[in-house]
PDB file of all heavy atoms in Angstrom:
ATOM      1  N   MET A   1     158.612 108.579 122.974  1.00  0.00           N
ATOM      2  CA  MET A   1     158.583 107.201 123.481  1.00  0.00           C
ATOM      3  C   MET A   1     157.434 106.422 122.844  1.00  0.00           C
ATOM      4  O   MET A   1     157.606 105.275 122.399  1.00  0.00           O
ATOM      5  CB  MET A   1     158.440 107.213 125.006  1.00  0.00           C
ATOM      6  CG  MET A   1     158.298 105.836 125.621  1.00  0.00           C
ATOM      7  SD  MET A   1     158.118 105.888 127.439  1.00  0.00           S
ATOM      8  CE  MET A   1     156.440 106.558 127.599  1.00  0.00           C
ATOM      9  N   TYR A   2     156.257 107.035 122.803  1.00  0.00           N
ATOM     10  CA  TYR A   2     155.101 106.361 122.201  1.00  0.00           C
ATOM     11  C   TYR A   2     155.367 106.061 120.720  1.00  0.00           C
ATOM     12  O   TYR A   2     155.120 104.946 120.237  1.00  0.00           O
ATOM     13  CB  TYR A   2     153.856 107.236 122.307  1.00  0.00           C
ATOM     14  CG  TYR A   2     153.409 107.579 123.712  1.00  0.00           C
ATOM     15  CD1 TYR A   2     152.772 108.797 123.976  1.00  0.00           C
ATOM     16  CD2 TYR A   2     153.590 106.694 124.769  1.00  0.00           C
ATOM     17  CE1 TYR A   2     152.341 109.117 125.257  1.00  0.00           C
ATOM     18  CE2 TYR A   2     153.173 107.007 126.047  1.00  0.00           C
ATOM     19  CZ  TYR A   2     152.552 108.234 126.294  1.00  0.00           C
ATOM     20  OH  TYR A   2     152.130 108.555 127.561  1.00  0.00           O
ATOM     21  N   ARG A   3     155.875 107.072 120.021  1.00  0.00           N
ATOM     22  CA  ARG A   3     156.100 106.920 118.586  1.00  0.00           C
ATOM     23  C   ARG A   3     157.123 105.815 118.313  1.00  0.00           C
ATOM     24  O   ARG A   3     156.912 104.955 117.442  1.00  0.00           O
ATOM     25  CB  ARG A   3     156.586 108.265 118.024  1.00  0.00           C
ATOM     26  CG  ARG A   3     156.710 108.328 116.527  1.00  0.00           C
ATOM     27  CD  ARG A   3     155.376 108.326 115.828  1.00  0.00           C
ATOM     28  NE  ARG A   3     154.570 109.494 116.106  1.00  0.00           N
ATOM     29  CZ  ARG A   3     153.245 109.504 116.057  1.00  0.00           C
ATOM     30  NH1 ARG A   3     152.577 108.395 115.766  1.00  0.00           N
ATOM     31  NH2 ARG A   3     152.560 110.603 116.304  1.00  0.00           N
ATOM     32  N   ALA A   4     158.225 105.816 119.055  1.00  0.00           N
ATOM     33  CA  ALA A   4     159.267 104.799 118.852  1.00  0.00           C
ATOM     34  C   ALA A   4     158.748 103.405 119.176  1.00  0.00           C
ATOM     35  O   ALA A   4     159.067 102.429 118.478  1.00  0.00           O
ATOM     36  CB  ALA A   4     160.480 105.123 119.720  1.00  0.00           C
ATOM     37  N   GLY A   5     157.928 103.292 120.215  1.00  0.00           N
ATOM     38  CA  GLY A   5     157.434 101.985 120.628  1.00  0.00           C
ATOM     39  C   GLY A   5     156.547 101.327 119.588  1.00  0.00           C
ATOM     40  O   GLY A   5     156.719 100.144 119.269  1.00  0.00           O
ATOM     41  N   VAL A   6     155.595 102.076 119.030  1.00  0.00           N
ATOM     42  CA  VAL A   6     154.689 101.463 118.043  1.00  0.00           C
ATOM     43  C   VAL A   6     155.426 101.146 116.746  1.00  0.00           C
ATOM     44  O   VAL A   6     155.124 100.137 116.079  1.00  0.00           O
ATOM     45  CB  VAL A   6     153.457 102.357 117.773  1.00  0.00           C
ATOM     46  CG1 VAL A   6     152.582 102.451 119.010  1.00  0.00           C
ATOM     47  CG2 VAL A   6     153.845 103.749 117.288  1.00  0.00           C
ATOM     48  N   LEU A   7     156.434 101.966 116.397  1.00  0.00           N
ATOM     49  CA  LEU A   7     157.215 101.664 115.196  1.00  0.00           C
ATOM     50  C   LEU A   7     158.057 100.408 115.389  1.00  0.00           C
ATOM     51  O   LEU A   7     158.103  99.529 114.524  1.00  0.00           O
ATOM     52  CB  LEU A   7     158.122 102.855 114.856  1.00  0.00           C
ATOM     53  CG  LEU A   7     157.433 104.078 114.246  1.00  0.00           C
ATOM     54  CD1 LEU A   7     158.411 105.236 114.130  1.00  0.00           C
ATOM     55  CD2 LEU A   7     156.840 103.739 112.876  1.00  0.00           C
ATOM     56  N   GLU A   8     158.720 100.312 116.541  1.00  0.00           N
ATOM     57  CA  GLU A   8     159.572  99.153 116.820  1.00  0.00           C
ATOM     58  C   GLU A   8     158.784  97.855 116.821  1.00  0.00           C
ATOM     59  O   GLU A   8     159.249  96.820 116.326  1.00  0.00           O
ATOM     60  CB  GLU A   8     160.280  99.340 118.163  1.00  0.00           C
ATOM     61  CG  GLU A   8     161.194  98.186 118.539  1.00  0.00           C
ATOM     62  CD  GLU A   8     161.791  98.334 119.929  1.00  0.00           C
ATOM     63  OE1 GLU A   8     161.692  99.437 120.526  1.00  0.00           O
ATOM     64  OE2 GLU A   8     162.341  97.332 120.428  1.00  0.00           O
ATOM     65  N   HIS A   9     157.574  97.917 117.376  1.00  0.00           N
ATOM     66  CA  HIS A   9     156.763  96.690 117.500  1.00  0.00           C
ATOM     67  C   HIS A   9     155.798  96.505 116.335  1.00  0.00           C
ATOM     68  O   HIS A   9     154.963  95.594 116.361  1.00  0.00           O
ATOM     69  CB  HIS A   9     156.006  96.714 118.831  1.00  0.00           C
ATOM     70  CG  HIS A   9     156.908  96.584 120.022  1.00  0.00           C
ATOM     71  ND1 HIS A   9     157.268  95.374 120.551  1.00  0.00           N
ATOM     72  CD2 HIS A   9     157.532  97.531 120.775  1.00  0.00           C
ATOM     73  CE1 HIS A   9     158.071  95.552 121.594  1.00  0.00           C
ATOM     74  NE2 HIS A   9     158.248  96.861 121.751  1.00  0.00           N
ATOM     75  N   GLU A  10     155.908  97.390 115.336  1.00  0.00           N
ATOM     76  CA  GLU A  10     155.113  97.287 114.102  1.00  0.00           C
ATOM     77  C   GLU A  10     153.618  97.199 114.410  1.00  0.00           C
ATOM     78  O   GLU A  10     152.904  96.314 113.935  1.00  0.00           O
ATOM     79  CB  GLU A  10     155.567  96.083 113.276  1.00  0.00           C
ATOM     80  CG  GLU A  10     157.018  96.171 112.839  1.00  0.00           C
ATOM     81  CD  GLU A  10     157.467  94.970 112.027  1.00  0.00           C
ATOM     82  OE1 GLU A  10     156.910  93.859 112.222  1.00  0.00           O
ATOM     83  OE2 GLU A  10     158.371  95.123 111.207  1.00  0.00           O
ATOM     84  N   LEU A  11     153.155  98.179 115.200  1.00  0.00           N
ATOM     85  CA  LEU A  11     151.757  98.223 115.605  1.00  0.00           C
ATOM     86  C   LEU A  11     151.060  99.431 114.991  1.00  0.00           C
ATOM     87  O   LEU A  11     151.650 100.502 114.863  1.00  0.00           O
ATOM     88  CB  LEU A  11     151.651  98.301 117.136  1.00  0.00           C
ATOM     89  CG  LEU A  11     152.140  97.068 117.891  1.00  0.00           C
ATOM     90  CD1 LEU A  11     152.300  97.382 119.375  1.00  0.00           C
ATOM     91  CD2 LEU A  11     151.178  95.897 117.691  1.00  0.00           C
ATOM     92  N   GLU A  12     149.809  99.239 114.619  1.00  0.00           N
ATOM     93  CA  GLU A  12     148.989 100.351 114.129  1.00  0.00           C
ATOM     94  C   GLU A  12     148.488 101.150 115.329  1.00  0.00           C
ATOM     95  O   GLU A  12     148.086 100.577 116.345  1.00  0.00           O
ATOM     96  CB  GLU A  12     147.809  99.816 113.321  1.00  0.00           C
ATOM     97  CG  GLU A  12     146.977 100.903 112.684  1.00  0.00           C
ATOM     98  CD  GLU A  12     145.794 100.354 111.902  1.00  0.00           C
ATOM     99  OE1 GLU A  12     145.655  99.114 111.784  1.00  0.00           O
ATOM    100  OE2 GLU A  12     144.991 101.175 111.412  1.00  0.00           O
ATOM    101  N   SER A  13     148.506 102.462 115.206  1.00  0.00           N
ATOM    102  CA  SER A  13     148.060 103.274 116.347  1.00  0.00           C
ATOM    103  C   SER A  13     147.571 104.636 115.881  1.00  0.00           C
ATOM    104  O   SER A  13     147.840 105.068 114.751  1.00  0.00           O
ATOM    105  CB  SER A  13     149.221 103.484 117.337  1.00  0.00           C
ATOM    106  OG  SER A  13     150.172 104.372 116.781  1.00  0.00           O
ATOM    107  N   VAL A  14     146.861 105.308 116.759  1.00  0.00           N
ATOM    108  CA  VAL A  14     146.532 106.730 116.603  1.00  0.00           C
ATOM    109  C   VAL A  14     146.839 107.403 117.938  1.00  0.00           C
ATOM    110  O   VAL A  14     146.711 106.795 118.999  1.00  0.00           O
ATOM    111  CB  VAL A  14     145.063 106.976 116.202  1.00  0.00           C
ATOM    112  CG1 VAL A  14     144.768 106.386 114.842  1.00  0.00           C
ATOM    113  CG2 VAL A  14     144.106 106.414 117.252  1.00  0.00           C
ATOM    114  N   MET A  15     147.248 108.672 117.881  1.00  0.00           N
ATOM    115  CA  MET A  15     147.493 109.469 119.087  1.00  0.00           C
ATOM    116  C   MET A  15     146.626 110.713 119.024  1.00  0.00           C
ATOM    117  O   MET A  15     146.612 111.414 118.004  1.00  0.00           O
ATOM    118  CB  MET A  15     148.949 109.910 119.184  1.00  0.00           C
ATOM    119  CG  MET A  15     149.928 108.845 119.543  1.00  0.00           C
ATOM    120  SD  MET A  15     151.520 109.636 119.964  1.00  0.00           S
ATOM    121  CE  MET A  15     152.648 108.448 119.284  1.00  0.00           C
ATOM    122  N   PHE A  16     145.926 110.985 120.110  1.00  0.00           N
ATOM    123  CA  PHE A  16     145.067 112.163 120.156  1.00  0.00           C
ATOM    124  C   PHE A  16     144.791 112.506 121.615  1.00  0.00           C
ATOM    125  O   PHE A  16     145.073 111.730 122.518  1.00  0.00           O
ATOM    126  CB  PHE A  16     143.738 111.899 119.427  1.00  0.00           C
ATOM    127  CG  PHE A  16     142.920 110.792 120.039  1.00  0.00           C
ATOM    128  CD1 PHE A  16     141.952 111.066 120.986  1.00  0.00           C
ATOM    129  CD2 PHE A  16     143.143 109.464 119.690  1.00  0.00           C
ATOM    130  CE1 PHE A  16     141.213 110.044 121.573  1.00  0.00           C
ATOM    131  CE2 PHE A  16     142.404 108.435 120.263  1.00  0.00           C
ATOM    132  CZ  PHE A  16     141.434 108.732 121.208  1.00  0.00           C
ATOM    133  N   GLY A  17     144.224 113.687 121.829  1.00  0.00           N
ATOM    134  CA  GLY A  17     143.745 113.988 123.172  1.00  0.00           C
ATOM    135  C   GLY A  17     144.287 115.249 123.779  1.00  0.00           C
ATOM    136  O   GLY A  17     144.687 116.183 123.087  1.00  0.00           O
ATOM    137  N   HIS A  18     144.345 115.237 125.096  1.00  0.00           N
ATOM    138  CA  HIS A  18     144.439 116.443 125.912  1.00  0.00           C
ATOM    139  C   HIS A  18     145.890 116.871 126.115  1.00  0.00           C
ATOM    140  O   HIS A  18     146.423 116.848 127.227  1.00  0.00           O
ATOM    141  CB  HIS A  18     143.751 116.194 127.249  1.00  0.00           C
ATOM    142  CG  HIS A  18     142.449 115.440 127.112  1.00  0.00           C
ATOM    143  ND1 HIS A  18     141.440 115.867 126.280  1.00  0.00           N
ATOM    144  CD2 HIS A  18     142.003 114.292 127.689  1.00  0.00           C
ATOM    145  CE1 HIS A  18     140.428 115.015 126.355  1.00  0.00           C
ATOM    146  NE2 HIS A  18     140.743 114.048 127.193  1.00  0.00           N
ATOM    147  N   ILE A  19     146.509 117.308 125.041  1.00  0.00           N
ATOM    148  CA  ILE A  19     147.936 117.629 125.072  1.00  0.00           C
ATOM    149  C   ILE A  19     148.227 118.818 125.977  1.00  0.00           C
ATOM    150  O   ILE A  19     149.322 118.951 126.519  1.00  0.00           O
ATOM    151  CB  ILE A  19     148.458 117.870 123.641  1.00  0.00           C
ATOM    152  CG1 ILE A  19     149.989 117.817 123.601  1.00  0.00           C
ATOM    153  CG2 ILE A  19     147.917 119.171 123.064  1.00  0.00           C
ATOM    154  CD1 ILE A  19     150.560 117.774 122.197  1.00  0.00           C
ATOM    155  N   GLY A  20     147.235 119.686 126.196  1.00  0.00           N
ATOM    156  CA  GLY A  20     147.421 120.811 127.113  1.00  0.00           C
ATOM    157  C   GLY A  20     147.768 120.349 128.516  1.00  0.00           C
ATOM    158  O   GLY A  20     148.528 121.008 129.234  1.00  0.00           O
ATOM    159  N   ASN A  21     147.229 119.199 128.915  1.00  0.00           N
ATOM    160  CA  ASN A  21     147.521 118.593 130.220  1.00  0.00           C
ATOM    161  C   ASN A  21     148.606 117.523 130.123  1.00  0.00           C
ATOM    162  O   ASN A  21     148.752 116.709 131.046  1.00  0.00           O
ATOM    163  CB  ASN A  21     146.260 117.936 130.815  1.00  0.00           C
ATOM    164  CG  ASN A  21     145.180 118.929 131.160  1.00  0.00           C
ATOM    165  OD1 ASN A  21     144.119 118.916 130.543  1.00  0.00           O
ATOM    166  ND2 ASN A  21     145.417 119.785 132.136  1.00  0.00           N
ATOM    167  N   ASN A  22     149.335 117.470 129.001  1.00  0.00           N
ATOM    168  CA  ASN A  22     150.349 116.421 128.782  1.00  0.00           C
ATOM    169  C   ASN A  22     149.724 115.031 128.890  1.00  0.00           C
ATOM    170  O   ASN A  22     150.334 114.099 129.411  1.00  0.00           O
ATOM    171  CB  ASN A  22     151.496 116.550 129.793  1.00  0.00           C
ATOM    172  CG  ASN A  22     152.013 117.953 129.883  1.00  0.00           C
ATOM    173  OD1 ASN A  22     152.443 118.530 128.888  1.00  0.00           O
ATOM    174  ND2 ASN A  22     151.952 118.534 131.071  1.00  0.00           N
ATOM    175  N   HIS A  23     148.516 114.931 128.383  1.00  0.00           N
ATOM    176  CA  HIS A  23     147.701 113.722 128.558  1.00  0.00           C
ATOM    177  C   HIS A  23     147.207 113.302 127.175  1.00  0.00           C
ATOM    178  O   HIS A  23     146.175 113.765 126.698  1.00  0.00           O
ATOM    179  CB  HIS A  23     146.539 114.051 129.503  1.00  0.00           C
ATOM    180  CG  HIS A  23     145.492 112.988 129.587  1.00  0.00           C
ATOM    181  ND1 HIS A  23     144.166 113.278 129.887  1.00  0.00           N
ATOM    182  CD2 HIS A  23     145.553 111.655 129.430  1.00  0.00           C
ATOM    183  CE1 HIS A  23     143.470 112.178 129.896  1.00  0.00           C
ATOM    184  NE2 HIS A  23     144.290 111.172 129.621  1.00  0.00           N
ATOM    185  N   ILE A  24     147.981 112.445 126.531  1.00  0.00           N
ATOM    186  CA  ILE A  24     147.656 111.994 125.176  1.00  0.00           C
ATOM    187  C   ILE A  24     147.220 110.534 125.222  1.00  0.00           C
ATOM    188  O   ILE A  24     147.870 109.693 125.839  1.00  0.00           O
ATOM    189  CB  ILE A  24     148.874 112.162 124.247  1.00  0.00           C
ATOM    190  CG1 ILE A  24     149.150 113.655 124.037  1.00  0.00           C
ATOM    191  CG2 ILE A  24     148.641 111.475 122.908  1.00  0.00           C
ATOM    192  CD1 ILE A  24     150.377 113.928 123.216  1.00  0.00           C
ATOM    193  N   HIS A  25     146.118 110.251 124.531  1.00  0.00           N
ATOM    194  CA  HIS A  25     145.660 108.872 124.406  1.00  0.00           C
ATOM    195  C   HIS A  25     146.350 108.232 123.202  1.00  0.00           C
ATOM    196  O   HIS A  25     146.231 108.720 122.082  1.00  0.00           O
ATOM    197  CB  HIS A  25     144.143 108.821 124.185  1.00  0.00           C
ATOM    198  CG  HIS A  25     143.343 109.395 125.301  1.00  0.00           C
ATOM    199  ND1 HIS A  25     143.386 108.886 126.587  1.00  0.00           N
ATOM    200  CD2 HIS A  25     142.479 110.430 125.346  1.00  0.00           C
ATOM    201  CE1 HIS A  25     142.576 109.586 127.361  1.00  0.00           C
ATOM    202  NE2 HIS A  25     142.011 110.533 126.633  1.00  0.00           N
TER     203      HIS A  25
END
């Protein structure tokens, strides 16, 4: 969902963080 959203809206982004807790920034 995150990946599709930033691509659709042509936004620059980075994703990182606490994936063990399903908690990505």
